[in-house]
Amino acid sequence: MASIINIHEAKTHLSRIVEEVAAGREVIIAKAGRGVAKLVPLDGLPKAKKLGGLKGKMTVPDDFNAPLEPDLIAAFEGQP
């Protein structure tokens, strides 16, 4: 269950609130009685990206970096 605190209290006691959130508590920050933000604990650090995950699953055509046709460029530029 999340607790609701006003923004002034959140600014005044930010360090304590962050410690409580890190321990598993959820906190909703309210402004004028309406919730505007929710502090939740992180599940952990983001996992490292694995490079080459699609190797062998797709191919890049030989003309990938070739210049575009003039009529296609015109279409992108909104020219008839």
PDB file of N, CA and C in Angstrom:
ATOM      1  N   MET A   1       0.848  -1.190   0.000  1.00  0.00           N
ATOM      2  CA  MET A   1       0.000   0.000   0.000  1.00  0.00           C
ATOM      3  C   MET A   1       0.882   1.239   0.000  1.00  0.00           C
ATOM      4  N   ALA A   2       0.608   2.164  -0.877  1.00  0.00           N
ATOM      5  CA  ALA A   2       1.391   3.393  -0.984  1.00  0.00           C
ATOM      6  C   ALA A   2       0.866   4.429  -0.001  1.00  0.00           C
ATOM      7  N   SER A   3       1.779   5.201   0.540  1.00  0.00           N
ATOM      8  CA  SER A   3       1.365   6.310   1.383  1.00  0.00           C
ATOM      9  C   SER A   3       1.395   7.586   0.552  1.00  0.00           C
ATOM     10  N   ILE A   4       0.581   8.568   0.937  1.00  0.00           N
ATOM     11  CA  ILE A   4       0.481   9.824   0.205  1.00  0.00           C
ATOM     12  C   ILE A   4       1.053  10.932   1.075  1.00  0.00           C
ATOM     13  N   ILE A   5       1.982  11.709   0.506  1.00  0.00           N
ATOM     14  CA  ILE A   5       2.543  12.850   1.212  1.00  0.00           C
ATOM     15  C   ILE A   5       2.461  14.069   0.315  1.00  0.00           C
ATOM     16  N   ASN A   6       2.409  15.252   0.918  1.00  0.00           N
ATOM     17  CA  ASN A   6       2.346  16.457   0.088  1.00  0.00           C
ATOM     18  C   ASN A   6       3.743  16.835  -0.370  1.00  0.00           C
ATOM     19  N   ILE A   7       3.813  17.663  -1.379  1.00  0.00           N
ATOM     20  CA  ILE A   7       5.088  17.995  -2.002  1.00  0.00           C
ATOM     21  C   ILE A   7       6.017  18.729  -1.042  1.00  0.00           C
ATOM     22  N   HIS A   8       5.478  19.547  -0.153  1.00  0.00           N
ATOM     23  CA  HIS A   8       6.316  20.251   0.815  1.00  0.00           C
ATOM     24  C   HIS A   8       7.001  19.256   1.745  1.00  0.00           C
ATOM     25  N   GLU A   9       6.253  18.294   2.249  1.00  0.00           N
ATOM     26  CA  GLU A   9       6.837  17.269   3.114  1.00  0.00           C
ATOM     27  C   GLU A   9       7.890  16.458   2.349  1.00  0.00           C
ATOM     28  N   ALA A  10       7.624  16.169   1.081  1.00  0.00           N
ATOM     29  CA  ALA A  10       8.574  15.402   0.272  1.00  0.00           C
ATOM     30  C   ALA A  10       9.885  16.167   0.118  1.00  0.00           C
ATOM     31  N   LYS A  11       9.808  17.485  -0.098  1.00  0.00           N
ATOM     32  CA  LYS A  11      11.027  18.281  -0.224  1.00  0.00           C
ATOM     33  C   LYS A  11      11.773  18.340   1.101  1.00  0.00           C
ATOM     34  N   THR A  12      11.043  18.458   2.188  1.00  0.00           N
ATOM     35  CA  THR A  12      11.657  18.588   3.502  1.00  0.00           C
ATOM     36  C   THR A  12      12.327  17.296   3.958  1.00  0.00           C
ATOM     37  N   HIS A  13      11.724  16.158   3.649  1.00  0.00           N
ATOM     38  CA  HIS A  13      12.192  14.867   4.161  1.00  0.00           C
ATOM     39  C   HIS A  13      12.617  13.915   3.051  1.00  0.00           C
ATOM     40  N   LEU A  14      13.166  14.442   1.969  1.00  0.00           N
ATOM     41  CA  LEU A  14      13.477  13.616   0.799  1.00  0.00           C
ATOM     42  C   LEU A  14      14.406  12.449   1.133  1.00  0.00           C
ATOM     43  N   SER A  15      15.458  12.690   1.886  1.00  0.00           N
ATOM     44  CA  SER A  15      16.409  11.616   2.202  1.00  0.00           C
ATOM     45  C   SER A  15      15.723  10.465   2.931  1.00  0.00           C
ATOM     46  N   ARG A  16      14.908  10.777   3.922  1.00  0.00           N
ATOM     47  CA  ARG A  16      14.196   9.736   4.677  1.00  0.00           C
ATOM     48  C   ARG A  16      13.220   8.983   3.775  1.00  0.00           C
ATOM     49  N   ILE A  17      12.520   9.722   2.922  1.00  0.00           N
ATOM     50  CA  ILE A  17      11.538   9.098   2.029  1.00  0.00           C
ATOM     51  C   ILE A  17      12.232   8.162   1.051  1.00  0.00           C
ATOM     52  N   VAL A  18      13.366   8.588   0.502  1.00  0.00           N
ATOM     53  CA  VAL A  18      14.099   7.740  -0.441  1.00  0.00           C
ATOM     54  C   VAL A  18      14.568   6.461   0.244  1.00  0.00           C
ATOM     55  N   GLU A  19      15.017   6.559   1.485  1.00  0.00           N
ATOM     56  CA  GLU A  19      15.422   5.356   2.230  1.00  0.00           C
ATOM     57  C   GLU A  19      14.247   4.400   2.411  1.00  0.00           C
ATOM     58  N   GLU A  20      13.079   4.935   2.734  1.00  0.00           N
ATOM     59  CA  GLU A  20      11.891   4.091   2.913  1.00  0.00           C
ATOM     60  C   GLU A  20      11.481   3.436   1.594  1.00  0.00           C
ATOM     61  N   VAL A  21      11.570   4.178   0.503  1.00  0.00           N
ATOM     62  CA  VAL A  21      11.229   3.618  -0.808  1.00  0.00           C
ATOM     63  C   VAL A  21      12.220   2.516  -1.169  1.00  0.00           C
ATOM     64  N   ALA A  22      13.509   2.751  -0.907  1.00  0.00           N
ATOM     65  CA  ALA A  22      14.521   1.735  -1.201  1.00  0.00           C
ATOM     66  C   ALA A  22      14.264   0.461  -0.404  1.00  0.00           C
ATOM     67  N   ALA A  23      13.631   0.597   0.764  1.00  0.00           N
ATOM     68  CA  ALA A  23      13.312  -0.562   1.595  1.00  0.00           C
ATOM     69  C   ALA A  23      12.035  -1.270   1.144  1.00  0.00           C
ATOM     70  N   GLY A  24      11.357  -0.739   0.110  1.00  0.00           N
ATOM     71  CA  GLY A  24      10.196  -1.428  -0.431  1.00  0.00           C
ATOM     72  C   GLY A  24       8.882  -0.674  -0.356  1.00  0.00           C
ATOM     73  N   ARG A  25       8.846   0.451   0.283  1.00  0.00           N
ATOM     74  CA  ARG A  25       7.609   1.219   0.430  1.00  0.00           C
ATOM     75  C   ARG A  25       7.360   2.056  -0.822  1.00  0.00           C
ATOM     76  N   GLU A  26       6.119   2.208  -1.218  1.00  0.00           N
ATOM     77  CA  GLU A  26       5.749   3.089  -2.331  1.00  0.00           C
ATOM     78  C   GLU A  26       5.176   4.376  -1.758  1.00  0.00           C
ATOM     79  N   VAL A  27       5.527   5.510  -2.364  1.00  0.00           N
ATOM     80  CA  VAL A  27       5.080   6.814  -1.885  1.00  0.00           C
ATOM     81  C   VAL A  27       4.499   7.600  -3.050  1.00  0.00           C
ATOM     82  N   ILE A  28       3.331   8.165  -2.837  1.00  0.00           N
ATOM     83  CA  ILE A  28       2.707   9.043  -3.833  1.00  0.00           C
ATOM     84  C   ILE A  28       2.880  10.472  -3.337  1.00  0.00           C
ATOM     85  N   ILE A  29       3.404  11.336  -4.210  1.00  0.00           N
ATOM     86  CA  ILE A  29       3.578  12.745  -3.871  1.00  0.00           C
ATOM     87  C   ILE A  29       2.394  13.511  -4.444  1.00  0.00           C
ATOM     88  N   ALA A  30       1.759  14.305  -3.578  1.00  0.00           N
ATOM     89  CA  ALA A  30       0.545  15.026  -3.964  1.00  0.00           C
ATOM     90  C   ALA A  30       0.794  16.526  -3.979  1.00  0.00           C
ATOM     91  N   LYS A  31       0.103  17.196  -4.876  1.00  0.00           N
ATOM     92  CA  LYS A  31       0.118  18.652  -4.947  1.00  0.00           C
ATOM     93  C   LYS A  31      -1.337  19.097  -4.942  1.00  0.00           C
ATOM     94  N   ALA A  32      -1.686  19.914  -3.981  1.00  0.00           N
ATOM     95  CA  ALA A  32      -3.070  20.380  -3.814  1.00  0.00           C
ATOM     96  C   ALA A  32      -4.027  19.201  -3.647  1.00  0.00           C
ATOM     97  N   GLY A  33      -3.555  18.166  -2.942  1.00  0.00           N
ATOM     98  CA  GLY A  33      -4.410  17.025  -2.647  1.00  0.00           C
ATOM     99  C   GLY A  33      -4.535  15.993  -3.754  1.00  0.00           C
ATOM    100  N   ARG A  34      -3.887  16.219  -4.883  1.00  0.00           N
ATOM    101  CA  ARG A  34      -3.963  15.271  -6.006  1.00  0.00           C
ATOM    102  C   ARG A  34      -2.600  14.655  -6.247  1.00  0.00           C
ATOM    103  N   GLY A  35      -2.556  13.343  -6.374  1.00  0.00           N
ATOM    104  CA  GLY A  35      -1.310  12.651  -6.647  1.00  0.00           C
ATOM    105  C   GLY A  35      -0.722  13.073  -7.983  1.00  0.00           C
ATOM    106  N   VAL A  36       0.577  13.397  -8.001  1.00  0.00           N
ATOM    107  CA  VAL A  36       1.224  13.814  -9.238  1.00  0.00           C
ATOM    108  C   VAL A  36       2.443  12.957  -9.570  1.00  0.00           C
ATOM    109  N   ALA A  37       2.975  12.234  -8.583  1.00  0.00           N
ATOM    110  CA  ALA A  37       4.157  11.405  -8.834  1.00  0.00           C
ATOM    111  C   ALA A  37       4.129  10.218  -7.885  1.00  0.00           C
ATOM    112  N   LYS A  38       4.759   9.128  -8.319  1.00  0.00           N
ATOM    113  CA  LYS A  38       4.816   7.929  -7.494  1.00  0.00           C
ATOM    114  C   LYS A  38       6.269   7.468  -7.414  1.00  0.00           C
ATOM    115  N   LEU A  39       6.768   7.316  -6.208  1.00  0.00           N
ATOM    116  CA  LEU A  39       8.111   6.802  -5.984  1.00  0.00           C
ATOM    117  C   LEU A  39       7.998   5.322  -5.662  1.00  0.00           C
ATOM    118  N   VAL A  40       8.710   4.510  -6.425  1.00  0.00           N
ATOM    119  CA  VAL A  40       8.693   3.064  -6.214  1.00  0.00           C
ATOM    120  C   VAL A  40      10.127   2.557  -6.187  1.00  0.00           C
ATOM    121  N   PRO A  41      10.387   1.481  -5.468  1.00  0.00           N
ATOM    122  CA  PRO A  41      11.749   0.941  -5.440  1.00  0.00           C
ATOM    123  C   PRO A  41      12.122   0.346  -6.794  1.00  0.00           C
ATOM    124  N   LEU A  42      13.387   0.478  -7.129  1.00  0.00           N
ATOM    125  CA  LEU A  42      13.890  -0.136  -8.356  1.00  0.00           C
ATOM    126  C   LEU A  42      14.054  -1.631  -8.136  1.00  0.00           C
ATOM    127  N   ASP A  43      13.817  -2.403  -9.177  1.00  0.00           N
ATOM    128  CA  ASP A  43      13.972  -3.852  -9.089  1.00  0.00           C
ATOM    129  C   ASP A  43      15.431  -4.264  -9.183  1.00  0.00           C
ATOM    130  N   GLY A  44      16.284  -3.360  -9.481  1.00  0.00           N
ATOM    131  CA  GLY A  44      17.700  -3.656  -9.653  1.00  0.00           C
ATOM    132  C   GLY A  44      18.245  -2.827 -10.790  1.00  0.00           C
ATOM    133  N   LEU A  45      19.499  -2.984 -11.050  1.00  0.00           N
ATOM    134  CA  LEU A  45      20.116  -2.236 -12.139  1.00  0.00           C
ATOM    135  C   LEU A  45      19.678  -2.805 -13.480  1.00  0.00           C
ATOM    136  N   PRO A  46      19.597  -1.961 -14.501  1.00  0.00           N
ATOM    137  CA  PRO A  46      19.238  -2.465 -15.825  1.00  0.00           C
ATOM    138  C   PRO A  46      20.250  -3.510 -16.293  1.00  0.00           C
ATOM    139  N   LYS A  47      19.761  -4.494 -16.987  1.00  0.00           N
ATOM    140  CA  LYS A  47      20.644  -5.540 -17.505  1.00  0.00           C
ATOM    141  C   LYS A  47      21.452  -5.000 -18.678  1.00  0.00           C
ATOM    142  N   ALA A  48      22.672  -5.484 -18.782  1.00  0.00           N
ATOM    143  CA  ALA A  48      23.540  -5.063 -19.883  1.00  0.00           C
ATOM    144  C   ALA A  48      22.973  -5.557 -21.207  1.00  0.00           C
ATOM    145  N   LYS A  49      23.102  -4.737 -22.231  1.00  0.00           N
ATOM    146  CA  LYS A  49      22.636  -5.117 -23.566  1.00  0.00           C
ATOM    147  C   LYS A  49      23.595  -6.128 -24.173  1.00  0.00           C
ATOM    148  N   LYS A  50      23.045  -7.129 -24.804  1.00  0.00           N
ATOM    149  CA  LYS A  50      23.863  -8.137 -25.467  1.00  0.00           C
ATOM    150  C   LYS A  50      23.956  -7.770 -26.945  1.00  0.00           C
ATOM    151  N   LEU A  51      25.153  -7.471 -27.407  1.00  0.00           N
ATOM    152  CA  LEU A  51      25.339  -7.124 -28.810  1.00  0.00           C
ATOM    153  C   LEU A  51      25.316  -8.384 -29.671  1.00  0.00           C
ATOM    154  N   GLY A  52      24.790  -8.251 -30.860  1.00  0.00           N
ATOM    155  CA  GLY A  52      24.775  -9.362 -31.802  1.00  0.00           C
ATOM    156  C   GLY A  52      23.620 -10.327 -31.593  1.00  0.00           C
ATOM    157  N   GLY A  53      22.594  -9.914 -30.890  1.00  0.00           N
ATOM    158  CA  GLY A  53      21.465 -10.789 -30.614  1.00  0.00           C
ATOM    159  C   GLY A  53      20.684 -11.219 -31.845  1.00  0.00           C
ATOM    160  N   LEU A  54      20.761 -10.452 -32.914  1.00  0.00           N
ATOM    161  CA  LEU A  54      20.038 -10.789 -34.146  1.00  0.00           C
ATOM    162  C   LEU A  54      20.952 -11.372 -35.219  1.00  0.00           C
ATOM    163  N   LYS A  55      22.187 -11.664 -34.861  1.00  0.00           N
ATOM    164  CA  LYS A  55      23.131 -12.190 -35.840  1.00  0.00           C
ATOM    165  C   LYS A  55      22.582 -13.469 -36.466  1.00  0.00           C
ATOM    166  N   GLY A  56      22.567 -13.501 -37.802  1.00  0.00           N
ATOM    167  CA  GLY A  56      22.069 -14.657 -38.527  1.00  0.00           C
ATOM    168  C   GLY A  56      20.559 -14.684 -38.699  1.00  0.00           C
ATOM    169  N   LYS A  57      19.838 -13.734 -38.080  1.00  0.00           N
ATOM    170  CA  LYS A  57      18.377 -13.712 -38.170  1.00  0.00           C
ATOM    171  C   LYS A  57      17.879 -12.684 -39.176  1.00  0.00           C
ATOM    172  N   MET A  58      18.765 -11.818 -39.633  1.00  0.00           N
ATOM    173  CA  MET A  58      18.365 -10.819 -40.620  1.00  0.00           C
ATOM    174  C   MET A  58      19.574 -10.469 -41.477  1.00  0.00           C
ATOM    175  N   THR A  59      19.295  -9.902 -42.623  1.00  0.00           N
ATOM    176  CA  THR A  59      20.377  -9.491 -43.516  1.00  0.00           C
ATOM    177  C   THR A  59      20.173  -8.041 -43.926  1.00  0.00           C
ATOM    178  N   VAL A  60      21.267  -7.372 -44.228  1.00  0.00           N
ATOM    179  CA  VAL A  60      21.224  -5.992 -44.695  1.00  0.00           C
ATOM    180  C   VAL A  60      21.570  -6.019 -46.178  1.00  0.00           C
ATOM    181  N   PRO A  61      20.721  -5.453 -47.031  1.00  0.00           N
ATOM    182  CA  PRO A  61      21.000  -5.492 -48.467  1.00  0.00           C
ATOM    183  C   PRO A  61      22.288  -4.739 -48.802  1.00  0.00           C
ATOM    184  N   ASP A  62      22.928  -5.142 -49.890  1.00  0.00           N
ATOM    185  CA  ASP A  62      24.176  -4.509 -50.315  1.00  0.00           C
ATOM    186  C   ASP A  62      24.006  -3.024 -50.632  1.00  0.00           C
ATOM    187  N   ASP A  63      22.816  -2.631 -51.100  1.00  0.00           N
ATOM    188  CA  ASP A  63      22.591  -1.231 -51.478  1.00  0.00           C
ATOM    189  C   ASP A  63      21.968  -0.408 -50.342  1.00  0.00           C
ATOM    190  N   PHE A  64      22.135  -0.847 -49.112  1.00  0.00           N
ATOM    191  CA  PHE A  64      21.526  -0.185 -47.958  1.00  0.00           C
ATOM    192  C   PHE A  64      21.892   1.304 -47.881  1.00  0.00           C
ATOM    193  N   ASN A  65      23.137   1.632 -48.126  1.00  0.00           N
ATOM    194  CA  ASN A  65      23.606   3.020 -48.036  1.00  0.00           C
ATOM    195  C   ASN A  65      23.600   3.752 -49.380  1.00  0.00           C
ATOM    196  N   ALA A  66      23.013   3.167 -50.390  1.00  0.00           N
ATOM    197  CA  ALA A  66      22.973   3.807 -51.706  1.00  0.00           C
ATOM    198  C   ALA A  66      22.057   5.029 -51.658  1.00  0.00           C
ATOM    199  N   PRO A  67      22.345   6.048 -52.473  1.00  0.00           N
ATOM    200  CA  PRO A  67      21.479   7.234 -52.515  1.00  0.00           C
ATOM    201  C   PRO A  67      20.061   6.853 -52.943  1.00  0.00           C
ATOM    202  N   LEU A  68      19.093   7.594 -52.438  1.00  0.00           N
ATOM    203  CA  LEU A  68      17.697   7.349 -52.803  1.00  0.00           C
ATOM    204  C   LEU A  68      17.407   7.867 -54.201  1.00  0.00           C
ATOM    205  N   GLU A  69      16.384   7.293 -54.816  1.00  0.00           N
ATOM    206  CA  GLU A  69      15.932   7.742 -56.132  1.00  0.00           C
ATOM    207  C   GLU A  69      15.402   9.173 -56.005  1.00  0.00           C
ATOM    208  N   PRO A  70      15.607  10.016 -57.019  1.00  0.00           N
ATOM    209  CA  PRO A  70      15.131  11.407 -56.948  1.00  0.00           C
ATOM    210  C   PRO A  70      13.627  11.523 -56.695  1.00  0.00           C
ATOM    211  N   ASP A  71      12.804  10.648 -57.287  1.00  0.00           N
ATOM    212  CA  ASP A  71      11.356  10.739 -57.065  1.00  0.00           C
ATOM    213  C   ASP A  71      10.984  10.373 -55.629  1.00  0.00           C
ATOM    214  N   LEU A  72      11.742   9.488 -55.001  1.00  0.00           N
ATOM    215  CA  LEU A  72      11.483   9.131 -53.604  1.00  0.00           C
ATOM    216  C   LEU A  72      11.867  10.281 -52.680  1.00  0.00           C
ATOM    217  N   ILE A  73      12.969  10.936 -52.962  1.00  0.00           N
ATOM    218  CA  ILE A  73      13.385  12.114 -52.183  1.00  0.00           C
ATOM    219  C   ILE A  73      12.316  13.193 -52.310  1.00  0.00           C
ATOM    220  N   ALA A  74      11.815  13.411 -53.514  1.00  0.00           N
ATOM    221  CA  ALA A  74      10.765  14.416 -53.735  1.00  0.00           C
ATOM    222  C   ALA A  74       9.510  14.088 -52.931  1.00  0.00           C
ATOM    223  N   ALA A  75       9.161  12.808 -52.875  1.00  0.00           N
ATOM    224  CA  ALA A  75       7.977  12.396 -52.116  1.00  0.00           C
ATOM    225  C   ALA A  75       8.161  12.684 -50.617  1.00  0.00           C
ATOM    226  N   PHE A  76       9.363  12.434 -50.095  1.00  0.00           N
ATOM    227  CA  PHE A  76       9.633  12.732 -48.686  1.00  0.00           C
ATOM    228  C   PHE A  76       9.569  14.227 -48.411  1.00  0.00           C
ATOM    229  N   GLU A  77       9.956  15.010 -49.381  1.00  0.00           N
ATOM    230  CA  GLU A  77       9.959  16.464 -49.227  1.00  0.00           C
ATOM    231  C   GLU A  77       8.618  17.096 -49.561  1.00  0.00           C
ATOM    232  N   GLY A  78       7.644  16.276 -49.907  1.00  0.00           N
ATOM    233  CA  GLY A  78       6.300  16.780 -50.212  1.00  0.00           C
ATOM    234  C   GLY A  78       6.176  17.414 -51.567  1.00  0.00           C
ATOM    235  N   GLN A  79       7.069  17.093 -52.462  1.00  0.00           N
ATOM    236  CA  GLN A  79       7.006  17.640 -53.820  1.00  0.00           C
ATOM    237  C   GLN A  79       6.277  16.657 -54.735  1.00  0.00           C
ATOM    238  N   PRO A  80       5.528  17.160 -55.685  1.00  0.00           N
ATOM    239  CA  PRO A  80       4.784  16.261 -56.582  1.00  0.00           C
ATOM    240  C   PRO A  80       5.675  15.534 -57.563  1.00  0.00           C
TER     241      PRO A  80
END
